[in-house]
Every structure is written in structure tokens, then in C-alpha cells.
Amino acid sequence: MVKHIILWKLREDIPFEELADVKQGIKDGLEGLVGQVPGLVDVHVHTNGLPTSNVDVMLDSTLESFEALKGYAVHPAHVAVADGKVRPYTCLRSCLDFEIQ
């Protein structure tokens, strides 16, 4: 099994009144990939960080293998969510991938 953890900072020019919808769109889009992408076991998106946080969104996903992770990266459903719901609204991305037992 492989964990795929992403942290994003949202763009500062997003109007405050749109932030909740942007976060919900990211959450719904990424969590909706379970069952669509082979090897994607579990996805949790966290958008309600405490005031001590310095990022806005966290993706915590589990995949069956490193090969599944590589497939996930280029899967059309994932690319559509990344291009339509994530990348337009984020300015910083950090990633940590690691194997778990």
C-alpha cells in the first residue's frame, strides 16, 4: 500500500465568499475518484484546518501500490479534477508519497 499526501495553499486572490465553495469542490472532486481510478483505495480531503495551519487543504489518499499511484497521476478522471477543481485555485503544492504495511 502507498500513501499519497498532498498539502495545498489556496491563492490569496480568491474572494472570501467563494472560499467555502472552492474547498468543497476540491473535496467532492477528489473524494469522488474512489471507484473511478483503479488501485485508489481511499481518499480523505481535509479543509477545516485550525488557525495554526499554514496550508488550506490536505489530501490523504491510499493506493494499492506504487504502480497504482503512477496510474492515478495520469488517469483522465484525476486529471480532470486536478485541472478543473484544484490547480486553478492553488498556488503551492507539497507532496509526500510513502509505503505502508
PDB file of N, CA and C in Angstrom:
ATOM      1  N   MET A   1       0.843  -1.176   0.000  1.00  0.00           N
ATOM      2  CA  MET A   1       0.000   0.000   0.000  1.00  0.00           C
ATOM      3  C   MET A   1       0.890   1.243   0.000  1.00  0.00           C
ATOM      4  N   VAL A   2       0.359   2.288  -0.601  1.00  0.00           N
ATOM      5  CA  VAL A   2       1.085   3.552  -0.718  1.00  0.00           C
ATOM      6  C   VAL A   2       0.176   4.682  -0.231  1.00  0.00           C
ATOM      7  N   LYS A   3       0.729   5.541   0.589  1.00  0.00           N
ATOM      8  CA  LYS A   3       0.041   6.775   0.989  1.00  0.00           C
ATOM      9  C   LYS A   3       0.505   7.891   0.067  1.00  0.00           C
ATOM     10  N   HIS A   4      -0.441   8.717  -0.349  1.00  0.00           N
ATOM     11  CA  HIS A   4      -0.190   9.876  -1.213  1.00  0.00           C
ATOM     12  C   HIS A   4      -0.801  11.069  -0.480  1.00  0.00           C
ATOM     13  N   ILE A   5       0.057  11.885   0.108  1.00  0.00           N
ATOM     14  CA  ILE A   5      -0.378  13.028   0.918  1.00  0.00           C
ATOM     15  C   ILE A   5       0.001  14.312   0.180  1.00  0.00           C
ATOM     16  N   ILE A   6      -0.982  15.183   0.005  1.00  0.00           N
ATOM     17  CA  ILE A   6      -0.745  16.469  -0.651  1.00  0.00           C
ATOM     18  C   ILE A   6      -1.253  17.576   0.267  1.00  0.00           C
ATOM     19  N   LEU A   7      -0.487  18.651   0.348  1.00  0.00           N
ATOM     20  CA  LEU A   7      -0.905  19.865   1.053  1.00  0.00           C
ATOM     21  C   LEU A   7      -0.921  21.005   0.046  1.00  0.00           C
ATOM     22  N   TRP A   8      -2.007  21.781   0.044  1.00  0.00           N
ATOM     23  CA  TRP A   8      -2.115  22.925  -0.858  1.00  0.00           C
ATOM     24  C   TRP A   8      -2.387  24.205  -0.086  1.00  0.00           C
ATOM     25  N   LYS A   9      -1.840  25.266  -0.605  1.00  0.00           N
ATOM     26  CA  LYS A   9      -2.175  26.619  -0.171  1.00  0.00           C
ATOM     27  C   LYS A   9      -3.052  27.209  -1.261  1.00  0.00           C
ATOM     28  N   LEU A  10      -4.191  27.758  -0.898  1.00  0.00           N
ATOM     29  CA  LEU A  10      -5.069  28.384  -1.876  1.00  0.00           C
ATOM     30  C   LEU A  10      -4.551  29.767  -2.251  1.00  0.00           C
ATOM     31  N   ARG A  11      -4.883  30.181  -3.462  1.00  0.00           N
ATOM     32  CA  ARG A  11      -4.489  31.524  -3.919  1.00  0.00           C
ATOM     33  C   ARG A  11      -5.127  32.579  -3.018  1.00  0.00           C
ATOM     34  N   GLU A  12      -4.385  33.624  -2.757  1.00  0.00           N
ATOM     35  CA  GLU A  12      -4.881  34.678  -1.858  1.00  0.00           C
ATOM     36  C   GLU A  12      -5.902  35.589  -2.520  1.00  0.00           C
ATOM     37  N   ASP A  13      -6.001  35.542  -3.854  1.00  0.00           N
ATOM     38  CA  ASP A  13      -6.942  36.428  -4.541  1.00  0.00           C
ATOM     39  C   ASP A  13      -8.342  35.825  -4.692  1.00  0.00           C
ATOM     40  N   ILE A  14      -8.579  34.665  -4.107  1.00  0.00           N
ATOM     41  CA  ILE A  14      -9.919  34.082  -4.140  1.00  0.00           C
ATOM     42  C   ILE A  14     -10.791  34.858  -3.158  1.00  0.00           C
ATOM     43  N   PRO A  15     -11.914  35.409  -3.616  1.00  0.00           N
ATOM     44  CA  PRO A  15     -12.783  36.163  -2.707  1.00  0.00           C
ATOM     45  C   PRO A  15     -13.252  35.302  -1.529  1.00  0.00           C
ATOM     46  N   PHE A  16     -13.295  35.889  -0.367  1.00  0.00           N
ATOM     47  CA  PHE A  16     -13.660  35.176   0.852  1.00  0.00           C
ATOM     48  C   PHE A  16     -14.984  34.437   0.693  1.00  0.00           C
ATOM     49  N   GLU A  17     -15.950  35.078   0.041  1.00  0.00           N
ATOM     50  CA  GLU A  17     -17.268  34.461  -0.098  1.00  0.00           C
ATOM     51  C   GLU A  17     -17.261  33.241  -1.026  1.00  0.00           C
ATOM     52  N   GLU A  18     -16.176  33.011  -1.754  1.00  0.00           N
ATOM     53  CA  GLU A  18     -16.056  31.843  -2.643  1.00  0.00           C
ATOM     54  C   GLU A  18     -15.218  30.720  -2.032  1.00  0.00           C
ATOM     55  N   LEU A  19     -14.519  30.986  -0.949  1.00  0.00           N
ATOM     56  CA  LEU A  19     -13.597  30.001  -0.371  1.00  0.00           C
ATOM     57  C   LEU A  19     -14.279  28.685  -0.003  1.00  0.00           C
ATOM     58  N   ALA A  20     -15.422  28.739   0.639  1.00  0.00           N
ATOM     59  CA  ALA A  20     -16.100  27.513   1.056  1.00  0.00           C
ATOM     60  C   ALA A  20     -16.472  26.661  -0.159  1.00  0.00           C
ATOM     61  N   ASP A  21     -16.954  27.296  -1.221  1.00  0.00           N
ATOM     62  CA  ASP A  21     -17.318  26.556  -2.430  1.00  0.00           C
ATOM     63  C   ASP A  21     -16.092  25.961  -3.114  1.00  0.00           C
ATOM     64  N   VAL A  22     -15.010  26.702  -3.134  1.00  0.00           N
ATOM     65  CA  VAL A  22     -13.771  26.193  -3.737  1.00  0.00           C
ATOM     66  C   VAL A  22     -13.288  24.963  -2.969  1.00  0.00           C
ATOM     67  N   LYS A  23     -13.236  25.068  -1.650  1.00  0.00           N
ATOM     68  CA  LYS A  23     -12.797  23.938  -0.828  1.00  0.00           C
ATOM     69  C   LYS A  23     -13.721  22.739  -1.012  1.00  0.00           C
ATOM     70  N   GLN A  24     -15.022  22.980  -1.040  1.00  0.00           N
ATOM     71  CA  GLN A  24     -15.971  21.879  -1.206  1.00  0.00           C
ATOM     72  C   GLN A  24     -15.827  21.236  -2.580  1.00  0.00           C
ATOM     73  N   GLY A  25     -15.562  22.038  -3.599  1.00  0.00           N
ATOM     74  CA  GLY A  25     -15.342  21.492  -4.935  1.00  0.00           C
ATOM     75  C   GLY A  25     -14.121  20.598  -5.002  1.00  0.00           C
ATOM     76  N   ILE A  26     -13.043  21.017  -4.344  1.00  0.00           N
ATOM     77  CA  ILE A  26     -11.827  20.196  -4.284  1.00  0.00           C
ATOM     78  C   ILE A  26     -12.128  18.894  -3.551  1.00  0.00           C
ATOM     79  N   LYS A  27     -12.780  18.999  -2.400  1.00  0.00           N
ATOM     80  CA  LYS A  27     -13.107  17.821  -1.588  1.00  0.00           C
ATOM     81  C   LYS A  27     -13.993  16.851  -2.368  1.00  0.00           C
ATOM     82  N   ASP A  28     -15.081  17.338  -2.922  1.00  0.00           N
ATOM     83  CA  ASP A  28     -16.013  16.471  -3.653  1.00  0.00           C
ATOM     84  C   ASP A  28     -15.349  15.843  -4.869  1.00  0.00           C
ATOM     85  N   GLY A  29     -14.560  16.638  -5.586  1.00  0.00           N
ATOM     86  CA  GLY A  29     -13.902  16.133  -6.783  1.00  0.00           C
ATOM     87  C   GLY A  29     -12.923  15.019  -6.477  1.00  0.00           C
ATOM     88  N   LEU A  30     -12.057  15.227  -5.497  1.00  0.00           N
ATOM     89  CA  LEU A  30     -11.038  14.228  -5.185  1.00  0.00           C
ATOM     90  C   LEU A  30     -11.634  13.000  -4.498  1.00  0.00           C
ATOM     91  N   GLU A  31     -12.534  13.198  -3.563  1.00  0.00           N
ATOM     92  CA  GLU A  31     -13.136  12.044  -2.888  1.00  0.00           C
ATOM     93  C   GLU A  31     -14.009  11.239  -3.845  1.00  0.00           C
ATOM     94  N   GLY A  32     -14.528  11.885  -4.871  1.00  0.00           N
ATOM     95  CA  GLY A  32     -15.349  11.210  -5.867  1.00  0.00           C
ATOM     96  C   GLY A  32     -14.565  10.302  -6.802  1.00  0.00           C
ATOM     97  N   LEU A  33     -13.248  10.342  -6.729  1.00  0.00           N
ATOM     98  CA  LEU A  33     -12.427   9.494  -7.592  1.00  0.00           C
ATOM     99  C   LEU A  33     -12.376   8.034  -7.140  1.00  0.00           C
ATOM    100  N   VAL A  34     -12.730   7.772  -5.882  1.00  0.00           N
ATOM    101  CA  VAL A  34     -12.745   6.393  -5.403  1.00  0.00           C
ATOM    102  C   VAL A  34     -13.795   5.627  -6.212  1.00  0.00           C
ATOM    103  N   GLY A  35     -13.391   4.496  -6.751  1.00  0.00           N
ATOM    104  CA  GLY A  35     -14.278   3.710  -7.598  1.00  0.00           C
ATOM    105  C   GLY A  35     -14.128   4.021  -9.076  1.00  0.00           C
ATOM    106  N   GLN A  36     -13.481   5.143  -9.387  1.00  0.00           N
ATOM    107  CA  GLN A  36     -13.237   5.517 -10.776  1.00  0.00           C
ATOM    108  C   GLN A  36     -11.817   5.211 -11.222  1.00  0.00           C
ATOM    109  N   VAL A  37     -10.881   5.303 -10.294  1.00  0.00           N
ATOM    110  CA  VAL A  37      -9.461   5.136 -10.612  1.00  0.00           C
ATOM    111  C   VAL A  37      -8.989   3.791 -10.070  1.00  0.00           C
ATOM    112  N   PRO A  38      -8.521   2.900 -10.942  1.00  0.00           N
ATOM    113  CA  PRO A  38      -8.045   1.600 -10.473  1.00  0.00           C
ATOM    114  C   PRO A  38      -6.923   1.743  -9.443  1.00  0.00           C
ATOM    115  N   GLY A  39      -7.031   0.976  -8.375  1.00  0.00           N
ATOM    116  CA  GLY A  39      -5.990   0.969  -7.351  1.00  0.00           C
ATOM    117  C   GLY A  39      -6.129   2.046  -6.300  1.00  0.00           C
ATOM    118  N   LEU A  40      -7.069   2.963  -6.470  1.00  0.00           N
ATOM    119  CA  LEU A  40      -7.295   4.009  -5.474  1.00  0.00           C
ATOM    120  C   LEU A  40      -8.229   3.452  -4.408  1.00  0.00           C
ATOM    121  N   VAL A  41      -7.698   3.250  -3.217  1.00  0.00           N
ATOM    122  CA  VAL A  41      -8.414   2.565  -2.146  1.00  0.00           C
ATOM    123  C   VAL A  41      -9.257   3.520  -1.324  1.00  0.00           C
ATOM    124  N   ASP A  42      -8.698   4.673  -0.971  1.00  0.00           N
ATOM    125  CA  ASP A  42      -9.345   5.559  -0.006  1.00  0.00           C
ATOM    126  C   ASP A  42      -8.859   6.984  -0.216  1.00  0.00           C
ATOM    127  N   VAL A  43      -9.765   7.945  -0.042  1.00  0.00           N
ATOM    128  CA  VAL A  43      -9.411   9.365  -0.162  1.00  0.00           C
ATOM    129  C   VAL A  43     -10.153  10.153   0.907  1.00  0.00           C
ATOM    130  N   HIS A  44      -9.401  10.975   1.614  1.00  0.00           N
ATOM    131  CA  HIS A  44      -9.988  11.924   2.562  1.00  0.00           C
ATOM    132  C   HIS A  44      -9.367  13.286   2.286  1.00  0.00           C
ATOM    133  N   VAL A  45     -10.221  14.288   2.128  1.00  0.00           N
ATOM    134  CA  VAL A  45      -9.751  15.653   1.920  1.00  0.00           C
ATOM    135  C   VAL A  45     -10.176  16.472   3.129  1.00  0.00           C
ATOM    136  N   HIS A  46      -9.206  17.140   3.741  1.00  0.00           N
ATOM    137  CA  HIS A  46      -9.450  17.951   4.935  1.00  0.00           C
ATOM    138  C   HIS A  46      -9.337  19.427   4.553  1.00  0.00           C
ATOM    139  N   THR A  47     -10.352  20.201   4.900  1.00  0.00           N
ATOM    140  CA  THR A  47     -10.392  21.615   4.512  1.00  0.00           C
ATOM    141  C   THR A  47     -10.617  22.558   5.684  1.00  0.00           C
ATOM    142  N   ASN A  48     -10.742  22.027   6.879  1.00  0.00           N
ATOM    143  CA  ASN A  48     -11.057  22.865   8.042  1.00  0.00           C
ATOM    144  C   ASN A  48      -9.916  22.860   9.047  1.00  0.00           C
ATOM    145  N   GLY A  49      -8.758  23.319   8.587  1.00  0.00           N
ATOM    146  CA  GLY A  49      -7.600  23.383   9.479  1.00  0.00           C
ATOM    147  C   GLY A  49      -7.805  24.375  10.608  1.00  0.00           C
ATOM    148  N   LEU A  50      -7.066  24.155  11.665  1.00  0.00           N
ATOM    149  CA  LEU A  50      -7.079  25.087  12.795  1.00  0.00           C
ATOM    150  C   LEU A  50      -6.323  26.362  12.415  1.00  0.00           C
ATOM    151  N   PRO A  51      -6.510  27.448  13.167  1.00  0.00           N
ATOM    152  CA  PRO A  51      -5.837  28.712  12.847  1.00  0.00           C
ATOM    153  C   PRO A  51      -4.306  28.618  12.843  1.00  0.00           C
ATOM    154  N   THR A  52      -3.744  27.603  13.451  1.00  0.00           N
ATOM    155  CA  THR A  52      -2.291  27.429  13.464  1.00  0.00           C
ATOM    156  C   THR A  52      -1.756  26.843  12.158  1.00  0.00           C
ATOM    157  N   SER A  53      -2.643  26.439  11.258  1.00  0.00           N
ATOM    158  CA  SER A  53      -2.234  25.833   9.983  1.00  0.00           C
ATOM    159  C   SER A  53      -1.685  26.885   9.035  1.00  0.00           C
ATOM    160  N   ASN A  54      -0.759  26.462   8.168  1.00  0.00           N
ATOM    161  CA  ASN A  54      -0.265  27.381   7.146  1.00  0.00           C
ATOM    162  C   ASN A  54      -0.539  26.869   5.734  1.00  0.00           C
ATOM    163  N   VAL A  55      -1.403  25.858   5.619  1.00  0.00           N
ATOM    164  CA  VAL A  55      -1.951  25.407   4.341  1.00  0.00           C
ATOM    165  C   VAL A  55      -3.460  25.312   4.502  1.00  0.00           C
ATOM    166  N   ASP A  56      -4.153  25.176   3.374  1.00  0.00           N
ATOM    167  CA  ASP A  56      -5.615  25.243   3.396  1.00  0.00           C
ATOM    168  C   ASP A  56      -6.319  23.914   3.143  1.00  0.00           C
ATOM    169  N   VAL A  57      -5.675  23.022   2.410  1.00  0.00           N
ATOM    170  CA  VAL A  57      -6.316  21.769   2.015  1.00  0.00           C
ATOM    171  C   VAL A  57      -5.299  20.640   2.115  1.00  0.00           C
ATOM    172  N   MET A  58      -5.763  19.478   2.617  1.00  0.00           N
ATOM    173  CA  MET A  58      -4.916  18.289   2.689  1.00  0.00           C
ATOM    174  C   MET A  58      -5.628  17.120   2.028  1.00  0.00           C
ATOM    175  N   LEU A  59      -4.920  16.447   1.141  1.00  0.00           N
ATOM    176  CA  LEU A  59      -5.379  15.196   0.547  1.00  0.00           C
ATOM    177  C   LEU A  59      -4.645  14.052   1.225  1.00  0.00           C
ATOM    178  N   ASP A  60      -5.387  13.112   1.766  1.00  0.00           N
ATOM    179  CA  ASP A  60      -4.823  11.909   2.380  1.00  0.00           C
ATOM    180  C   ASP A  60      -5.412  10.730   1.624  1.00  0.00           C
ATOM    181  N   SER A  61      -4.629  10.122   0.740  1.00  0.00           N
ATOM    182  CA  SER A  61      -5.144   9.034  -0.080  1.00  0.00           C
ATOM    183  C   SER A  61      -4.286   7.786   0.074  1.00  0.00           C
ATOM    184  N   THR A  62      -4.919   6.649  -0.157  1.00  0.00           N
ATOM    185  CA  THR A  62      -4.263   5.352  -0.089  1.00  0.00           C
ATOM    186  C   THR A  62      -4.470   4.636  -1.412  1.00  0.00           C
ATOM    187  N   LEU A  63      -3.370   4.117  -1.944  1.00  0.00           N
ATOM    188  CA  LEU A  63      -3.419   3.361  -3.189  1.00  0.00           C
ATOM    189  C   LEU A  63      -2.822   1.980  -2.964  1.00  0.00           C
ATOM    190  N   GLU A  64      -3.181   1.051  -3.836  1.00  0.00           N
ATOM    191  CA  GLU A  64      -2.747  -0.335  -3.672  1.00  0.00           C
ATOM    192  C   GLU A  64      -1.234  -0.516  -3.825  1.00  0.00           C
ATOM    193  N   SER A  65      -0.608   0.316  -4.667  1.00  0.00           N
ATOM    194  CA  SER A  65       0.811   0.105  -4.969  1.00  0.00           C
ATOM    195  C   SER A  65       1.397   1.367  -5.584  1.00  0.00           C
ATOM    196  N   PHE A  66       2.714   1.350  -5.741  1.00  0.00           N
ATOM    197  CA  PHE A  66       3.383   2.454  -6.430  1.00  0.00           C
ATOM    198  C   PHE A  66       2.935   2.522  -7.890  1.00  0.00           C
ATOM    199  N   GLU A  67       2.705   1.374  -8.503  1.00  0.00           N
ATOM    200  CA  GLU A  67       2.207   1.341  -9.883  1.00  0.00           C
ATOM    201  C   GLU A  67       0.826   1.982  -9.960  1.00  0.00           C
ATOM    202  N   ALA A  68      -0.022   1.726  -8.974  1.00  0.00           N
ATOM    203  CA  ALA A  68      -1.345   2.355  -8.938  1.00  0.00           C
ATOM    204  C   ALA A  68      -1.225   3.865  -8.798  1.00  0.00           C
ATOM    205  N   LEU A  69      -0.266   4.334  -8.012  1.00  0.00           N
ATOM    206  CA  LEU A  69      -0.028   5.773  -7.871  1.00  0.00           C
ATOM    207  C   LEU A  69       0.352   6.396  -9.207  1.00  0.00           C
ATOM    208  N   LYS A  70       1.224   5.724  -9.945  1.00  0.00           N
ATOM    209  CA  LYS A  70       1.628   6.242 -11.260  1.00  0.00           C
ATOM    210  C   LYS A  70       0.428   6.288 -12.200  1.00  0.00           C
ATOM    211  N   GLY A  71      -0.437   5.286 -12.140  1.00  0.00           N
ATOM    212  CA  GLY A  71      -1.635   5.281 -12.968  1.00  0.00           C
ATOM    213  C   GLY A  71      -2.623   6.363 -12.569  1.00  0.00           C
ATOM    214  N   TYR A  72      -2.756   6.581 -11.276  1.00  0.00           N
ATOM    215  CA  TYR A  72      -3.629   7.629 -10.740  1.00  0.00           C
ATOM    216  C   TYR A  72      -3.219   8.999 -11.273  1.00  0.00           C
ATOM    217  N   ALA A  73      -1.931   9.245 -11.315  1.00  0.00           N
ATOM    218  CA  ALA A  73      -1.420  10.554 -11.733  1.00  0.00           C
ATOM    219  C   ALA A  73      -1.869  10.930 -13.136  1.00  0.00           C
ATOM    220  N   VAL A  74      -2.038   9.958 -14.008  1.00  0.00           N
ATOM    221  CA  VAL A  74      -2.379  10.245 -15.406  1.00  0.00           C
ATOM    222  C   VAL A  74      -3.790   9.808 -15.782  1.00  0.00           C
ATOM    223  N   HIS A  75      -4.538   9.269 -14.830  1.00  0.00           N
ATOM    224  CA  HIS A  75      -5.895   8.812 -15.124  1.00  0.00           C
ATOM    225  C   HIS A  75      -6.763  10.015 -15.524  1.00  0.00           C
ATOM    226  N   PRO A  76      -7.547   9.905 -16.592  1.00  0.00           N
ATOM    227  CA  PRO A  76      -8.347  11.049 -17.066  1.00  0.00           C
ATOM    228  C   PRO A  76      -9.285  11.642 -16.013  1.00  0.00           C
ATOM    229  N   ALA A  77      -9.882  10.827 -15.169  1.00  0.00           N
ATOM    230  CA  ALA A  77     -10.775  11.369 -14.136  1.00  0.00           C
ATOM    231  C   ALA A  77      -9.996  12.210 -13.130  1.00  0.00           C
ATOM    232  N   HIS A  78      -8.804  11.749 -12.750  1.00  0.00           N
ATOM    233  CA  HIS A  78      -7.970  12.515 -11.823  1.00  0.00           C
ATOM    234  C   HIS A  78      -7.478  13.798 -12.477  1.00  0.00           C
ATOM    235  N   VAL A  79      -7.022  13.702 -13.705  1.00  0.00           N
ATOM    236  CA  VAL A  79      -6.525  14.887 -14.415  1.00  0.00           C
ATOM    237  C   VAL A  79      -7.636  15.930 -14.540  1.00  0.00           C
ATOM    238  N   ALA A  80      -8.859  15.494 -14.806  1.00  0.00           N
ATOM    239  CA  ALA A  80      -9.986  16.427 -14.926  1.00  0.00           C
ATOM    240  C   ALA A  80     -10.244  17.164 -13.613  1.00  0.00           C
ATOM    241  N   VAL A  81     -10.193  16.441 -12.498  1.00  0.00           N
ATOM    242  CA  VAL A  81     -10.390  17.088 -11.190  1.00  0.00           C
ATOM    243  C   VAL A  81      -9.227  18.030 -10.896  1.00  0.00           C
ATOM    244  N   ALA A  82      -8.011  17.574 -11.133  1.00  0.00           N
ATOM    245  CA  ALA A  82      -6.833  18.409 -10.865  1.00  0.00           C
ATOM    246  C   ALA A  82      -6.877  19.691 -11.694  1.00  0.00           C
ATOM    247  N   ASP A  83      -7.195  19.546 -12.975  1.00  0.00           N
ATOM    248  CA  ASP A  83      -7.210  20.712 -13.866  1.00  0.00           C
ATOM    249  C   ASP A  83      -8.416  21.621 -13.641  1.00  0.00           C
ATOM    250  N   GLY A  84      -9.545  21.056 -13.220  1.00  0.00           N
ATOM    251  CA  GLY A  84     -10.764  21.850 -13.088  1.00  0.00           C
ATOM    252  C   GLY A  84     -11.083  22.343 -11.699  1.00  0.00           C
ATOM    253  N   LYS A  85     -10.662  21.588 -10.673  1.00  0.00           N
ATOM    254  CA  LYS A  85     -11.060  21.926  -9.305  1.00  0.00           C
ATOM    255  C   LYS A  85      -9.905  22.303  -8.386  1.00  0.00           C
ATOM    256  N   VAL A  86      -8.677  21.878  -8.734  1.00  0.00           N
ATOM    257  CA  VAL A  86      -7.553  22.101  -7.820  1.00  0.00           C
ATOM    258  C   VAL A  86      -6.601  23.172  -8.350  1.00  0.00           C
ATOM    259  N   ARG A  87      -5.965  22.920  -9.471  1.00  0.00           N
ATOM    260  CA  ARG A  87      -4.914  23.819  -9.968  1.00  0.00           C
ATOM    261  C   ARG A  87      -5.356  25.272 -10.163  1.00  0.00           C
ATOM    262  N   PRO A  88      -6.587  25.530 -10.618  1.00  0.00           N
ATOM    263  CA  PRO A  88      -6.965  26.941 -10.793  1.00  0.00           C
ATOM    264  C   PRO A  88      -7.006  27.744  -9.489  1.00  0.00           C
ATOM    265  N   TYR A  89      -7.081  27.057  -8.360  1.00  0.00           N
ATOM    266  CA  TYR A  89      -7.278  27.741  -7.087  1.00  0.00           C
ATOM    267  C   TYR A  89      -6.102  27.643  -6.126  1.00  0.00           C
ATOM    268  N   THR A  90      -5.056  26.920  -6.507  1.00  0.00           N
ATOM    269  CA  THR A  90      -3.934  26.726  -5.588  1.00  0.00           C
ATOM    270  C   THR A  90      -2.666  27.405  -6.095  1.00  0.00           C
ATOM    271  N   CYS A  91      -1.816  27.775  -5.156  1.00  0.00           N
ATOM    272  CA  CYS A  91      -0.561  28.441  -5.521  1.00  0.00           C
ATOM    273  C   CYS A  91       0.659  27.698  -4.992  1.00  0.00           C
ATOM    274  N   LEU A  92       0.451  26.729  -4.117  1.00  0.00           N
ATOM    275  CA  LEU A  92       1.558  25.977  -3.533  1.00  0.00           C
ATOM    276  C   LEU A  92       1.096  24.554  -3.293  1.00  0.00           C
ATOM    277  N   ARG A  93       1.955  23.601  -3.664  1.00  0.00           N
ATOM    278  CA  ARG A  93       1.645  22.174  -3.500  1.00  0.00           C
ATOM    279  C   ARG A  93       2.871  21.472  -2.914  1.00  0.00           C
ATOM    280  N   SER A  94       2.638  20.690  -1.865  1.00  0.00           N
ATOM    281  CA  SER A  94       3.682  19.842  -1.301  1.00  0.00           C
ATOM    282  C   SER A  94       3.157  18.416  -1.290  1.00  0.00           C
ATOM    283  N   CYS A  95       4.039  17.458  -1.549  1.00  0.00           N
ATOM    284  CA  CYS A  95       3.627  16.064  -1.672  1.00  0.00           C
ATOM    285  C   CYS A  95       4.572  15.172  -0.882  1.00  0.00           C
ATOM    286  N   LEU A  96       4.008  14.146  -0.245  1.00  0.00           N
ATOM    287  CA  LEU A  96       4.787  13.085   0.368  1.00  0.00           C
ATOM    288  C   LEU A  96       4.108  11.766   0.027  1.00  0.00           C
ATOM    289  N   ASP A  97       4.837  10.896  -0.679  1.00  0.00           N
ATOM    290  CA  ASP A  97       4.380   9.550  -1.006  1.00  0.00           C
ATOM    291  C   ASP A  97       5.256   8.568  -0.240  1.00  0.00           C
ATOM    292  N   PHE A  98       4.629   7.554   0.373  1.00  0.00           N
ATOM    293  CA  PHE A  98       5.408   6.570   1.113  1.00  0.00           C
ATOM    294  C   PHE A  98       4.649   5.252   1.191  1.00  0.00           C
ATOM    295  N   GLU A  99       5.400   4.167   1.385  1.00  0.00           N
ATOM    296  CA  GLU A  99       4.789   2.855   1.509  1.00  0.00           C
ATOM    297  C   GLU A  99       4.385   2.581   2.945  1.00  0.00           C
ATOM    298  N   ILE A 100       3.264   1.879   3.100  1.00  0.00           N
ATOM    299  CA  ILE A 100       2.794   1.454   4.412  1.00  0.00           C
ATOM    300  C   ILE A 100       2.566  -0.059   4.366  1.00  0.00           C
ATOM    301  N   GLN A 101       2.552  -0.675   5.506  1.00  0.00           N
ATOM    302  CA  GLN A 101       2.308  -2.118   5.590  1.00  0.00           C
ATOM    303  C   GLN A 101       0.847  -2.423   5.701  1.00  0.00           C
TER     304      GLN A 101
END
